[in-house]
């Protein structure tokens, strides 16, 4: 059987030209999609993670991130709402580490220090919720896991179970950067009416 299109006439075949057009269109669509997919600057992504972490902790029931048996005060008689929870956070890192946008982040490892801002109660006397925290960003709202010791497991051992090796040393320091601590205290004083 012979073909109408010889080796020298392949360029005249409609099927070949249709395939070439489809291939070019596919390459063009892939280029447009790749170039329009928003990539977040790493510093901006870190700010977004900090804001999301802080907001999540401040809006969550304090029972979800309490430590060492501390519980947030109940609504005092005659008051309309529970006292505000004001948090400072420090992000150690996130997974996947190559995430391009906040939507790509699945897990955040960090530290939180929150104060329950009862009216006219100074920071030194406030109930505080503090410690290393892991946030599951795949749920809405994000899930909160805190490191707590049990009768059988020491705090440091539990921390090592929960945190990746690269974040353990940071998590054992338990500190906020000075700028975050200053912002926390300023926001706490405002919330407590001081």
Protein backbone atom coordinates (compact mmCIF):
# COMPACT_ATOMS: atom_id res chain seq x y z
CA UNK A 1 0.00 0.00 0.00
CA UNK A 2 1.30 3.38 -0.86
CA UNK A 3 0.65 6.60 0.93
CA UNK A 4 -0.54 9.70 -0.84
CA UNK A 5 1.93 11.72 1.14
CA UNK A 6 5.44 10.86 0.23
CA UNK A 7 8.48 11.62 2.33
CA UNK A 8 8.90 14.94 0.57
CA UNK A 9 5.23 15.91 0.89
CA UNK A 10 4.65 15.40 4.64
CA UNK A 11 4.36 19.15 5.10
CA UNK A 12 1.24 19.19 2.91
CA UNK A 13 -0.75 16.80 5.10
CA UNK A 14 -3.60 18.39 7.07
CA UNK A 15 -3.19 15.91 9.94
CA UNK A 16 0.42 16.91 10.44
CA UNK A 17 -0.48 20.59 10.48
CA UNK A 18 -3.32 19.98 12.95
CA UNK A 19 -0.91 18.10 15.23
CA UNK A 20 1.66 20.90 14.95
CA UNK A 21 -1.00 23.49 15.84
CA UNK A 22 -2.21 21.46 18.82
CA UNK A 23 1.36 21.02 20.04
CA UNK A 24 2.06 24.75 19.72
CA UNK A 25 -1.18 25.60 21.54
CA UNK A 26 -0.31 23.18 24.36
CA UNK A 27 3.13 24.72 24.75
CA UNK A 28 1.59 28.19 24.76
CA UNK A 29 -0.98 27.26 27.43
CA UNK A 30 1.73 25.66 29.58
CA UNK A 31 3.87 28.80 29.29
CA UNK A 32 0.97 31.07 30.26
CA UNK A 33 -0.04 28.91 33.23
CA UNK A 34 3.55 28.67 34.45
CA UNK A 35 4.15 32.40 34.10
CA UNK A 36 0.88 33.42 35.81
CA UNK A 37 1.10 31.06 38.79
CA UNK A 38 1.75 33.45 41.68
CA UNK A 39 4.99 32.85 43.51
CA UNK A 40 5.39 34.56 46.82
CA UNK A 41 8.64 36.17 47.85
CA UNK A 42 10.11 34.06 50.72
CA UNK A 43 10.08 37.04 53.12
CA UNK A 44 6.47 37.82 52.20
CA UNK A 45 5.52 34.14 52.60
CA UNK A 46 7.09 34.16 56.07
CA UNK A 47 5.05 37.27 57.01
CA UNK A 48 1.89 35.58 55.74
CA UNK A 49 2.63 32.46 57.79
CA UNK A 50 3.28 34.58 60.92
CA UNK A 51 0.01 36.47 60.44
CA UNK A 52 -1.98 33.26 59.85
CA UNK A 53 -0.41 31.55 62.85
CA UNK A 54 -1.02 34.56 65.14
CA UNK A 55 -4.62 34.98 63.97
CA UNK A 56 -5.37 31.28 64.35
CA UNK A 57 -4.03 31.17 67.91
CA UNK A 58 -5.81 34.37 68.93
CA UNK A 59 -9.14 33.16 67.57
CA UNK A 60 -8.88 29.59 68.88
CA UNK A 61 -10.32 28.48 72.18
CA UNK A 62 -7.38 28.83 74.60
CA UNK A 63 -7.92 25.21 75.63
CA UNK A 64 -6.41 24.23 72.27
CA UNK A 65 -3.02 25.73 73.12
CA UNK A 66 -2.79 25.68 76.89
CA UNK A 67 0.26 24.32 78.68
CA UNK A 68 1.12 23.02 82.11
CA UNK A 69 -2.47 22.93 83.28
CA UNK A 70 -3.05 26.65 82.70
CA UNK A 71 -6.57 27.42 81.68
CA UNK A 72 -7.93 30.67 80.40
CA UNK A 73 -10.30 32.47 82.71
CA UNK A 74 -14.02 32.11 82.10
CA UNK A 75 -16.20 35.07 81.27
CA UNK A 76 -16.62 37.06 84.49
CA UNK A 77 -20.17 37.59 85.70
CA UNK A 78 -21.72 40.64 84.07
CA UNK A 79 -19.30 40.75 81.11
CA UNK A 80 -20.42 40.07 77.56
CA UNK A 81 -17.38 38.30 76.11
CA UNK A 82 -14.37 36.29 77.16
CA UNK A 83 -11.12 38.25 77.51
CA UNK A 84 -9.09 38.60 74.33
CA UNK A 85 -6.15 36.30 73.76
CA UNK A 86 -3.14 38.19 72.38
CA UNK A 87 -0.31 36.15 70.88
CA UNK A 88 3.25 36.57 69.73
CA UNK A 89 4.68 33.89 67.46
CA UNK A 90 8.01 32.78 66.09
CA UNK A 91 8.10 30.52 63.03
CA UNK A 92 10.94 28.01 62.93
CA UNK A 93 10.00 26.67 59.52
CA UNK A 94 7.35 25.04 57.40
CA UNK A 95 6.76 22.05 55.18
CA UNK A 96 7.11 21.68 52.35
CA UNK A 97 10.15 23.92 52.55
CA UNK A 98 9.85 24.82 48.87
CA UNK A 99 6.25 26.08 49.17
CA UNK A 100 5.65 28.97 46.80
CA UNK A 101 2.44 30.33 48.37
CA UNK A 102 0.63 30.18 51.71
CA UNK A 103 -1.85 27.73 50.16
CA UNK A 104 1.07 25.33 49.50
CA UNK A 105 2.15 25.26 53.17
CA UNK A 106 0.94 22.13 54.94
CA UNK A 107 2.66 22.27 58.35
CA UNK A 108 4.17 25.13 60.36
CA UNK A 109 6.62 24.62 63.24
CA UNK A 110 7.05 27.42 65.72
CA UNK A 111 6.66 28.91 69.16
CA UNK A 112 3.83 30.88 70.72
CA UNK A 113 3.44 33.12 73.74
CA UNK A 114 -0.10 34.27 74.39
CA UNK A 115 -1.54 36.34 77.20
CA UNK A 116 -5.19 36.37 78.23
CA UNK A 117 -5.95 40.09 78.36
CA UNK A 118 -8.37 40.48 81.25
CA UNK A 119 -9.34 44.13 81.74
CA UNK A 120 -6.83 46.14 83.79
CA UNK A 121 -4.67 43.05 84.45
CA UNK A 122 -0.99 43.74 83.83
CA UNK A 123 1.13 41.41 81.73
CA UNK A 124 3.01 40.04 84.74
CA UNK A 125 -0.23 38.78 86.31
CA UNK A 126 -1.87 37.51 83.12
CA UNK A 127 -2.59 33.88 82.36
CA UNK A 128 -0.08 32.88 79.70
CA UNK A 129 -0.20 30.10 77.14
CA UNK A 130 3.29 29.34 75.91
CA UNK A 131 5.46 26.79 74.18
CA UNK A 132 6.41 25.11 70.92
CA UNK A 133 3.51 24.61 68.55
CA UNK A 134 2.80 22.77 65.31
CA UNK A 135 0.02 23.99 63.02
CA UNK A 136 -1.69 21.78 60.47
CA UNK A 137 -2.51 24.20 57.66
CA UNK A 138 -4.48 21.61 55.66
CA UNK A 139 -7.59 22.09 57.81
CA UNK A 140 -9.86 25.09 58.31
CA UNK A 141 -9.25 26.46 60.83
CA UNK A 142 -5.68 25.18 61.06
CA UNK A 143 -5.10 22.44 63.63
CA UNK A 144 -3.01 23.29 66.70
CA UNK A 145 -0.72 20.79 68.41
CA UNK A 146 1.24 21.84 71.46
CA UNK A 147 4.09 20.02 73.12
CA UNK A 148 3.06 18.76 76.54
CA UNK A 149 4.68 16.38 78.95
CA UNK A 150 2.72 13.44 80.31
CA UNK A 151 3.17 11.26 83.36
CA UNK A 152 5.26 8.90 81.23
CA UNK A 153 6.97 11.24 78.75
CA UNK A 154 9.15 14.23 79.64
CA UNK A 155 8.59 17.53 77.83
CA UNK A 156 11.94 17.38 76.00
CA UNK A 157 11.28 13.81 74.85
CA UNK A 158 7.82 14.73 73.61
CA UNK A 159 9.28 17.72 71.76
CA UNK A 160 11.81 15.46 70.04
CA UNK A 161 8.98 13.11 69.02
CA UNK A 162 6.93 15.90 67.47
CA UNK A 163 9.48 18.24 65.87
CA UNK A 164 11.87 17.48 63.00
CA UNK A 165 15.52 17.39 64.07
CA UNK A 166 16.30 20.68 62.33
CA UNK A 167 13.85 22.56 64.62
CA UNK A 168 14.53 20.86 67.96
CA UNK A 169 17.26 23.24 69.16
CA UNK A 170 15.13 26.26 68.25
CA UNK A 171 12.11 24.77 70.01
CA UNK A 172 14.10 24.14 73.18
CA UNK A 173 15.05 27.85 73.40
CA UNK A 174 11.44 28.99 73.59
CA UNK A 175 11.81 32.68 72.85
CA UNK A 176 10.26 35.39 70.73
CA UNK A 177 12.39 37.82 68.77
CA UNK A 178 12.60 41.20 70.58
CA UNK A 179 10.49 42.98 67.97
CA UNK A 180 7.73 40.37 68.25
CA UNK A 181 7.83 40.54 72.06
CA UNK A 182 7.53 44.35 72.00
CA UNK A 183 4.59 44.12 69.60
CA UNK A 184 2.94 41.47 71.79
CA UNK A 185 3.25 43.62 74.90
CA UNK A 186 1.89 46.69 73.09
CA UNK A 187 -1.11 44.74 71.75
CA UNK A 188 -1.70 43.08 75.13
CA UNK A 189 -1.74 46.44 76.96
CA UNK A 190 -4.25 47.80 74.43
CA UNK A 191 -6.50 44.73 74.76
CA UNK A 192 -6.34 44.87 78.58
CA UNK A 193 -7.22 48.55 78.59
CA UNK A 194 -3.95 49.68 80.14
